[in-house]
Amino acid sequence: MTYRIIFSPEAEEDLIGIYRFVSQRSGRDLALGYVQRIEAYCRGFATFPKRGTCRDDLAPNTRLVGFERRVMIAFHIDGDLVVFDRILYGGRSLDRLSDDED
């Protein structure tokens, strides 16, 4: 089975924020390459999405995976969809974000 990949509006904003952060420190080319690698990694979930650590304490069916030791990716599987909920850079905490949203 091949799953469809969806980025939530929050995840899309996270990617934009990562691009801005990295581009300010390392330049646009490196930032673009980094964001493209994150996106390619996420697209790889189309064939094998059931990976990462289950974190039902954050939200039902939430899974977390890391990317290149600097990014935490939160996603869930819904039928034939893999929905990327958040993509957080550099130690930002999902626990803190979920507390802020309550």
C-alpha atoms as a PDB file:
ATOM      1  CA  MET A   1       0.000   0.000   0.000  1.00  0.00           C
ATOM      2  CA  THR A   2       1.209   3.494  -0.825  1.00  0.00           C
ATOM      3  CA  TYR A   3       0.148   6.275   1.521  1.00  0.00           C
ATOM      4  CA  ARG A   4      -0.513   9.876   0.533  1.00  0.00           C
ATOM      5  CA  ILE A   5       1.596  12.521   2.244  1.00  0.00           C
ATOM      6  CA  ILE A   6      -0.023  15.662   3.681  1.00  0.00           C
ATOM      7  CA  PHE A   7       1.658  18.558   5.497  1.00  0.00           C
ATOM      8  CA  SER A   8      -0.595  20.412   7.939  1.00  0.00           C
ATOM      9  CA  PRO A   9      -0.596  24.215   7.747  1.00  0.00           C
ATOM     10  CA  GLU A  10       1.442  24.214  10.983  1.00  0.00           C
ATOM     11  CA  ALA A  11       4.037  21.856   9.493  1.00  0.00           C
ATOM     12  CA  GLU A  12       4.285  24.046   6.392  1.00  0.00           C
ATOM     13  CA  GLU A  13       4.838  27.087   8.631  1.00  0.00           C
ATOM     14  CA  ASP A  14       7.450  25.113  10.568  1.00  0.00           C
ATOM     15  CA  LEU A  15       9.344  24.394   7.326  1.00  0.00           C
ATOM     16  CA  ILE A  16       9.252  28.084   6.405  1.00  0.00           C
ATOM     17  CA  GLY A  17      10.551  28.944   9.871  1.00  0.00           C
ATOM     18  CA  ILE A  18      13.358  26.391   9.582  1.00  0.00           C
ATOM     19  CA  TYR A  19      14.316  27.839   6.198  1.00  0.00           C
ATOM     20  CA  ARG A  20      14.424  31.374   7.619  1.00  0.00           C
ATOM     21  CA  PHE A  21      16.404  30.333  10.687  1.00  0.00           C
ATOM     22  CA  VAL A  22      19.013  28.343   8.753  1.00  0.00           C
ATOM     23  CA  SER A  23      19.287  30.912   5.945  1.00  0.00           C
ATOM     24  CA  GLN A  24      20.084  33.691   8.439  1.00  0.00           C
ATOM     25  CA  ARG A  25      22.923  31.647   9.886  1.00  0.00           C
ATOM     26  CA  SER A  26      24.207  29.628   6.951  1.00  0.00           C
ATOM     27  CA  GLY A  27      22.820  31.137   3.756  1.00  0.00           C
ATOM     28  CA  ARG A  28      19.906  30.470   1.458  1.00  0.00           C
ATOM     29  CA  ASP A  29      21.451  27.591  -0.480  1.00  0.00           C
ATOM     30  CA  LEU A  30      22.153  25.530   2.634  1.00  0.00           C
ATOM     31  CA  ALA A  31      18.735  26.363   4.066  1.00  0.00           C
ATOM     32  CA  LEU A  32      16.951  25.328   0.881  1.00  0.00           C
ATOM     33  CA  GLY A  33      18.906  22.075   0.699  1.00  0.00           C
ATOM     34  CA  TYR A  34      18.131  21.318   4.333  1.00  0.00           C
ATOM     35  CA  VAL A  35      14.392  21.902   3.937  1.00  0.00           C
ATOM     36  CA  GLN A  36      14.378  19.835   0.746  1.00  0.00           C
ATOM     37  CA  ARG A  37      16.043  16.942   2.622  1.00  0.00           C
ATOM     38  CA  ILE A  38      13.383  17.153   5.338  1.00  0.00           C
ATOM     39  CA  GLU A  39      10.629  17.107   2.710  1.00  0.00           C
ATOM     40  CA  ALA A  40      12.225  14.155   0.891  1.00  0.00           C
ATOM     41  CA  TYR A  41      12.516  12.260   4.182  1.00  0.00           C
ATOM     42  CA  CYS A  42       8.820  12.877   4.853  1.00  0.00           C
ATOM     43  CA  ARG A  43       7.850  11.746   1.349  1.00  0.00           C
ATOM     44  CA  GLY A  44       9.610   8.455   2.115  1.00  0.00           C
ATOM     45  CA  PHE A  45       6.831   7.707   4.600  1.00  0.00           C
ATOM     46  CA  ALA A  46       4.552   6.959   1.634  1.00  0.00           C
ATOM     47  CA  THR A  47       5.880   3.397   1.556  1.00  0.00           C
ATOM     48  CA  PHE A  48       6.640   2.751   5.234  1.00  0.00           C
ATOM     49  CA  PRO A  49       4.863   5.136   7.619  1.00  0.00           C
ATOM     50  CA  LYS A  50       4.621   2.999  10.754  1.00  0.00           C
ATOM     51  CA  ARG A  51       7.861   4.101  12.352  1.00  0.00           C
ATOM     52  CA  GLY A  52       8.967   6.329  15.157  1.00  0.00           C
ATOM     53  CA  THR A  53       7.824   6.505  18.750  1.00  0.00           C
ATOM     54  CA  CYS A  54       4.105   6.460  19.578  1.00  0.00           C
ATOM     55  CA  ARG A  55       3.131   9.482  21.697  1.00  0.00           C
ATOM     56  CA  ASP A  56      -0.571   9.141  22.416  1.00  0.00           C
ATOM     57  CA  ASP A  57       0.002  11.415  25.431  1.00  0.00           C
ATOM     58  CA  LEU A  58       0.416  14.339  22.991  1.00  0.00           C
ATOM     59  CA  ALA A  59      -2.539  13.466  20.756  1.00  0.00           C
ATOM     60  CA  PRO A  60      -4.167  10.190  19.698  1.00  0.00           C
ATOM     61  CA  ASN A  61      -2.093   8.219  17.151  1.00  0.00           C
ATOM     62  CA  THR A  62       0.778  10.724  17.201  1.00  0.00           C
ATOM     63  CA  ARG A  63       4.204   9.389  16.278  1.00  0.00           C
ATOM     64  CA  LEU A  64       7.564  11.149  16.562  1.00  0.00           C
ATOM     65  CA  VAL A  65      10.720  10.698  14.507  1.00  0.00           C
ATOM     66  CA  GLY A  66      13.964  12.625  14.461  1.00  0.00           C
ATOM     67  CA  PHE A  67      15.786  13.936  11.423  1.00  0.00           C
ATOM     68  CA  GLU A  68      19.538  14.581  11.333  1.00  0.00           C
ATOM     69  CA  ARG A  69      19.662  15.064  15.131  1.00  0.00           C
ATOM     70  CA  ARG A  70      18.196  18.591  14.910  1.00  0.00           C
ATOM     71  CA  VAL A  71      14.581  18.144  13.827  1.00  0.00           C
ATOM     72  CA  MET A  72      11.641  16.462  15.551  1.00  0.00           C
ATOM     73  CA  ILE A  73       8.773  15.453  13.272  1.00  0.00           C
ATOM     74  CA  ALA A  74       5.284  14.737  14.633  1.00  0.00           C
ATOM     75  CA  PHE A  75       2.824  12.905  12.393  1.00  0.00           C
ATOM     76  CA  HIS A  76      -0.164  10.611  12.417  1.00  0.00           C
ATOM     77  CA  ILE A  77      -1.627   8.035  10.061  1.00  0.00           C
ATOM     78  CA  ASP A  78      -5.271   8.379   9.041  1.00  0.00           C
ATOM     79  CA  GLY A  79      -6.408   5.656   6.649  1.00  0.00           C
ATOM     80  CA  ASP A  80      -4.252   6.023   3.542  1.00  0.00           C
ATOM     81  CA  LEU A  81      -2.878   9.420   4.645  1.00  0.00           C
ATOM     82  CA  VAL A  82       0.282  10.273   6.530  1.00  0.00           C
ATOM     83  CA  VAL A  83      -0.300  13.718   8.006  1.00  0.00           C
ATOM     84  CA  PHE A  84       2.742  15.645   9.185  1.00  0.00           C
ATOM     85  CA  ASP A  85       1.501  17.774  12.062  1.00  0.00           C
ATOM     86  CA  ARG A  86       4.640  19.625  13.204  1.00  0.00           C
ATOM     87  CA  ILE A  87       8.287  19.825  12.154  1.00  0.00           C
ATOM     88  CA  LEU A  88      10.332  21.366  14.958  1.00  0.00           C
ATOM     89  CA  TYR A  89      13.941  22.507  14.774  1.00  0.00           C
ATOM     90  CA  GLY A  90      16.637  22.672  17.397  1.00  0.00           C
ATOM     91  CA  GLY A  91      15.076  21.402  20.566  1.00  0.00           C
ATOM     92  CA  ARG A  92      11.642  23.042  20.376  1.00  0.00           C
ATOM     93  CA  SER A  93       9.355  20.944  22.521  1.00  0.00           C
ATOM     94  CA  LEU A  94       6.101  19.384  21.388  1.00  0.00           C
ATOM     95  CA  ASP A  95       5.106  19.168  25.048  1.00  0.00           C
ATOM     96  CA  ARG A  96       5.500  22.933  25.394  1.00  0.00           C
ATOM     97  CA  LEU A  97       3.606  23.597  22.156  1.00  0.00           C
ATOM     98  CA  SER A  98       0.687  21.411  23.199  1.00  0.00           C
ATOM     99  CA  ASP A  99       0.536  23.234  26.558  1.00  0.00           C
ATOM    100  CA  ASP A 100       0.439  26.594  24.747  1.00  0.00           C
ATOM    101  CA  GLU A 101      -2.459  25.468  22.553  1.00  0.00           C
ATOM    102  CA  ASP A 102      -4.712  24.439  25.475  1.00  0.00           C
END
